[in-house]
Structure formats: structure tokens, C-alpha cells
């Protein structure tokens, strides 16, 4: 039996286009509203179609899982970061930061359990601003005592001034496809 891939259950709206895309050549009465959103679990960028009569705004949370959906009619597909509207691009860093903030224990666990990628590289080294020297400092600090929060990392590892921002910047880089190796974003 094939293992089913975990899917996004909830998304955060980045932009709502009530009349669809401006460059869509179809007549206005045939255009469908579009929602550009990001998944809360795997940071999947999605294009959604809202249920009739539903109006959404950035930062609204919508359910897209199995079963009855109140606000989303269907999932149109995945999106590339380059296809996001300007509004969605502007909101993306703030929404990602909020998701990271709300899921701090998951990211603290990453700092506590990150391991080697290969014989020459470590997962911590692909974080923005973290090289071999800083990764070694993080590993030494976590061997003494596991990290408990972003503030704990900030206090004990001087090389990382803002661990939350480091994670957010890595997620944004992964969404833009700047690195083939993925730590947090599911590949399209």
C-alpha cells in the first residue's frame, strides 16, 4: 500500500483577487475569483478558488483539508513564488514570520536535532548567516543543554542575533527557489 503524502489543511491568505487575474482575457462574467495563499504546515504556495459570494483578505485563515470547506470551493493548484501578485509578495514575509512565531517549538526542535546533510555539510550551515564556525557554536551549546526558545538561542549563541528571522529568511529563500536543498518548504 502506498503511503499518502501529507497535505496542507489550513492556509493563510496572501491576496484575494475578486475578479481574477487582470491579464486574464476572458470576459468579466467568466472570470473566477482567485485566492493566493500559503500553507501553514509545509509553506506550500497555493492558488485557491473561494466559494461563491465569499470575500477574503490577507491574513485570513482558510481550511482546505478533506471534508466540508466553508470558504474555499476548490484548490486550483500550486504556485511558484514568481507568480504571486505584488500584494502577495509584500505580505509573504509577514505571514511566514507569523507562522514561524506561532510554531516556535517546531523550529526550536530543528535547532536541537539538525544533523549533517553530507560528509562536508550540516543542515545548520544552510541557514542564512550560519557557516561552519557558527554551526559548531550552535551544536556545542545544544550539547550542553537543549534549546527551549528563540530567546534561549539568542542568549546562548552569540553568532545568531535573531534565530526567528534566520528561519524566516531561510523559508523565503526556499520559496524563491534559491537553494536546491530544502529544510522547511515542501518541493513543488
Protein backbone atom coordinates (compact mmCIF):
# COMPACT_ATOMS: atom_id res chain seq x y z
CA UNK A 1 0.00 0.00 0.00
CA UNK A 2 1.38 3.42 -0.99
CA UNK A 3 1.90 5.93 1.79
CA UNK A 4 -0.24 9.02 1.19
CA UNK A 5 1.65 12.31 1.23
CA UNK A 6 0.64 14.70 3.99
CA UNK A 7 -1.24 17.72 2.69
CA UNK A 8 -1.92 21.22 3.81
CA UNK A 9 -5.04 21.53 5.96
CA UNK A 10 -5.01 25.28 6.62
CA UNK A 11 -3.73 28.21 4.61
CA UNK A 12 -3.21 31.89 5.23
CA UNK A 13 -4.48 34.24 2.54
CA UNK A 14 -1.81 36.39 0.88
CA UNK A 15 -4.07 38.07 -1.68
CA UNK A 16 -7.69 37.91 -2.84
CA UNK A 17 -8.48 38.80 -6.45
CA UNK A 18 -12.25 39.23 -6.56
CA UNK A 19 -12.33 39.39 -10.36
CA UNK A 20 -9.45 37.01 -11.07
CA UNK A 21 -6.18 37.99 -12.69
CA UNK A 22 -6.03 41.31 -14.53
CA UNK A 23 -4.21 39.74 -17.50
CA UNK A 24 -6.93 37.09 -17.97
CA UNK A 25 -8.50 37.82 -21.38
CA UNK A 26 -11.85 36.16 -20.59
CA UNK A 27 -14.91 38.41 -20.21
CA UNK A 28 -15.50 39.67 -16.66
CA UNK A 29 -18.59 37.47 -16.15
CA UNK A 30 -16.50 34.32 -16.89
CA UNK A 31 -13.56 35.16 -14.63
CA UNK A 32 -13.42 33.42 -11.29
CA UNK A 33 -12.14 34.95 -8.07
CA UNK A 34 -8.68 33.75 -7.02
CA UNK A 35 -7.02 33.44 -3.63
CA UNK A 36 -3.26 33.23 -3.36
CA UNK A 37 -2.33 31.56 -0.08
CA UNK A 38 0.43 29.78 1.81
CA UNK A 39 0.03 26.54 3.72
CA UNK A 40 0.65 26.60 7.46
CA UNK A 41 2.45 23.24 7.68
CA UNK A 42 4.66 22.93 4.60
CA UNK A 43 4.71 26.55 3.32
CA UNK A 44 3.11 25.43 0.05
CA UNK A 45 2.08 28.35 -2.17
CA UNK A 46 -1.41 27.65 -3.49
CA UNK A 47 -3.97 29.12 -5.85
CA UNK A 48 -7.48 28.63 -4.49
CA UNK A 49 -10.97 29.42 -5.71
CA UNK A 50 -13.31 30.72 -2.99
CA UNK A 51 -16.88 29.53 -2.59
CA UNK A 52 -19.48 31.76 -4.31
CA UNK A 53 -20.08 35.05 -2.53
CA UNK A 54 -17.06 34.70 -0.22
CA UNK A 55 -14.75 37.67 0.16
CA UNK A 56 -11.38 37.23 1.84
CA UNK A 57 -8.49 39.46 2.83
CA UNK A 58 -4.80 38.94 3.59
CA UNK A 59 -4.12 37.10 6.86
CA UNK A 60 -7.48 35.28 6.84
CA UNK A 61 -7.05 31.59 7.65
CA UNK A 62 -8.93 29.15 5.43
CA UNK A 63 -9.50 25.40 5.70
CA UNK A 64 -8.58 23.39 2.59
CA UNK A 65 -8.46 19.86 4.00
CA UNK A 66 -10.75 16.93 3.30
CA UNK A 67 -14.42 17.28 4.09
CA UNK A 68 -16.65 20.35 4.21
CA UNK A 69 -14.96 23.64 3.38
CA UNK A 70 -16.85 26.81 4.25
CA UNK A 71 -14.82 29.39 2.34
CA UNK A 72 -12.87 27.55 -0.37
CA UNK A 73 -14.59 25.86 -3.29
CA UNK A 74 -11.51 24.08 -4.65
CA UNK A 75 -7.73 24.12 -4.90
CA UNK A 76 -6.71 25.24 -8.36
CA UNK A 77 -3.07 24.23 -7.90
CA UNK A 78 0.34 25.06 -6.56
CA UNK A 79 2.03 28.37 -7.33
CA UNK A 80 5.59 29.46 -7.94
CA UNK A 81 6.73 32.47 -5.92
CA UNK A 82 7.33 34.31 -9.20
CA UNK A 83 3.59 34.07 -9.98
CA UNK A 84 2.49 35.82 -6.79
CA UNK A 85 0.80 39.19 -7.14
CA UNK A 86 2.62 42.23 -5.76
CA UNK A 87 0.28 42.27 -2.77
CA UNK A 88 1.01 38.59 -2.06
CA UNK A 89 4.77 39.19 -2.38
CA UNK A 90 4.52 42.11 0.05
CA UNK A 91 2.52 40.09 2.61
CA UNK A 92 4.57 36.89 2.33
CA UNK A 93 7.40 37.80 4.77
CA UNK A 94 4.92 38.93 7.43
CA UNK A 95 2.76 35.81 7.06
CA UNK A 96 5.79 33.48 7.16
CA UNK A 97 7.05 35.27 10.27
CA UNK A 98 3.66 34.83 11.96
CA UNK A 99 3.58 31.10 11.08
CA UNK A 100 7.10 30.63 12.46
CA UNK A 101 6.21 32.59 15.60
CA UNK A 102 3.06 30.50 16.18
CA UNK A 103 5.01 27.25 15.70
CA UNK A 104 8.15 28.12 17.67
CA UNK A 105 8.53 24.61 19.24
CA UNK A 106 8.84 23.02 15.77
CA UNK A 107 11.69 25.36 14.82
CA UNK A 108 13.39 25.02 18.21
CA UNK A 109 13.32 21.26 17.63
CA UNK A 110 15.09 21.89 14.31
CA UNK A 111 17.92 23.72 16.14
CA UNK A 112 18.06 20.87 18.69
CA UNK A 113 18.05 17.99 16.18
CA UNK A 114 19.55 19.31 12.91
CA UNK A 115 22.16 16.93 11.54
CA UNK A 116 24.56 16.51 8.65
CA UNK A 117 23.42 16.82 5.04
CA UNK A 118 26.55 15.15 3.72
CA UNK A 119 30.09 14.36 4.88
CA UNK A 120 31.04 18.01 4.37
CA UNK A 121 27.91 19.98 5.23
CA UNK A 122 25.44 20.34 8.10
CA UNK A 123 21.79 21.45 7.99
CA UNK A 124 22.60 24.40 10.25
CA UNK A 125 25.14 25.68 7.70
CA UNK A 126 22.44 26.37 5.11
CA UNK A 127 20.72 28.87 7.40
CA UNK A 128 21.43 32.48 6.34
CA UNK A 129 24.46 33.85 8.18
CA UNK A 130 25.45 30.46 9.65
CA UNK A 131 28.63 28.83 8.42
CA UNK A 132 30.79 26.03 9.81
CA UNK A 133 32.06 28.11 12.75
CA UNK A 134 28.59 29.26 13.85
CA UNK A 135 27.10 25.79 13.29
CA UNK A 136 29.78 24.38 15.61
CA UNK A 137 28.85 27.01 18.22
CA UNK A 138 25.15 26.04 17.99
CA UNK A 139 25.96 22.31 18.27
CA UNK A 140 28.21 22.88 21.29
CA UNK A 141 25.51 24.94 23.05
CA UNK A 142 22.78 22.35 22.39
CA UNK A 143 25.03 19.52 23.64
CA UNK A 144 25.31 21.34 26.96
CA UNK A 145 21.53 21.83 27.15
CA UNK A 146 18.79 21.65 24.52
CA UNK A 147 17.34 24.97 23.44
CA UNK A 148 13.95 25.93 24.85
CA UNK A 149 13.02 29.04 22.84
CA UNK A 150 14.24 31.55 20.28
CA UNK A 151 15.25 33.79 23.20
CA UNK A 152 17.26 30.93 24.69
CA UNK A 153 19.15 30.50 21.39
CA UNK A 154 19.70 34.26 21.17
CA UNK A 155 21.14 34.32 24.71
CA UNK A 156 23.39 31.26 24.44
CA UNK A 157 24.60 31.54 20.83
CA UNK A 158 26.07 34.97 20.18
CA UNK A 159 26.52 34.21 16.46
CA UNK A 160 22.75 34.29 15.91
CA UNK A 161 21.22 37.62 16.85
CA UNK A 162 17.68 36.71 15.76
CA UNK A 163 17.01 32.98 15.26
CA UNK A 164 13.36 33.57 14.27
CA UNK A 165 14.42 35.96 11.50
CA UNK A 166 17.09 33.45 10.39
CA UNK A 167 14.39 30.77 9.96
CA UNK A 168 12.03 33.20 8.18
CA UNK A 169 14.78 34.25 5.75
CA UNK A 170 15.60 30.60 5.02
CA UNK A 171 11.93 29.81 4.30
CA UNK A 172 11.64 32.83 1.98
CA UNK A 173 14.80 31.76 0.13
CA UNK A 174 13.41 28.23 -0.27
CA UNK A 175 10.10 29.61 -1.60
CA UNK A 176 12.02 31.63 -4.18
CA UNK A 177 13.94 28.51 -5.23
CA UNK A 178 17.34 29.96 -4.29
CA UNK A 179 18.64 26.63 -2.97
CA UNK A 180 18.00 23.08 -4.14
CA UNK A 181 18.24 21.79 -0.57
CA UNK A 182 15.03 22.22 1.43
CA UNK A 183 14.72 22.33 5.18
CA UNK A 184 11.22 23.71 5.67
CA UNK A 185 9.37 24.13 2.34
CA UNK A 186 7.96 21.15 0.51
CA UNK A 187 9.27 20.94 -3.07
CA UNK A 188 6.69 21.56 -5.81
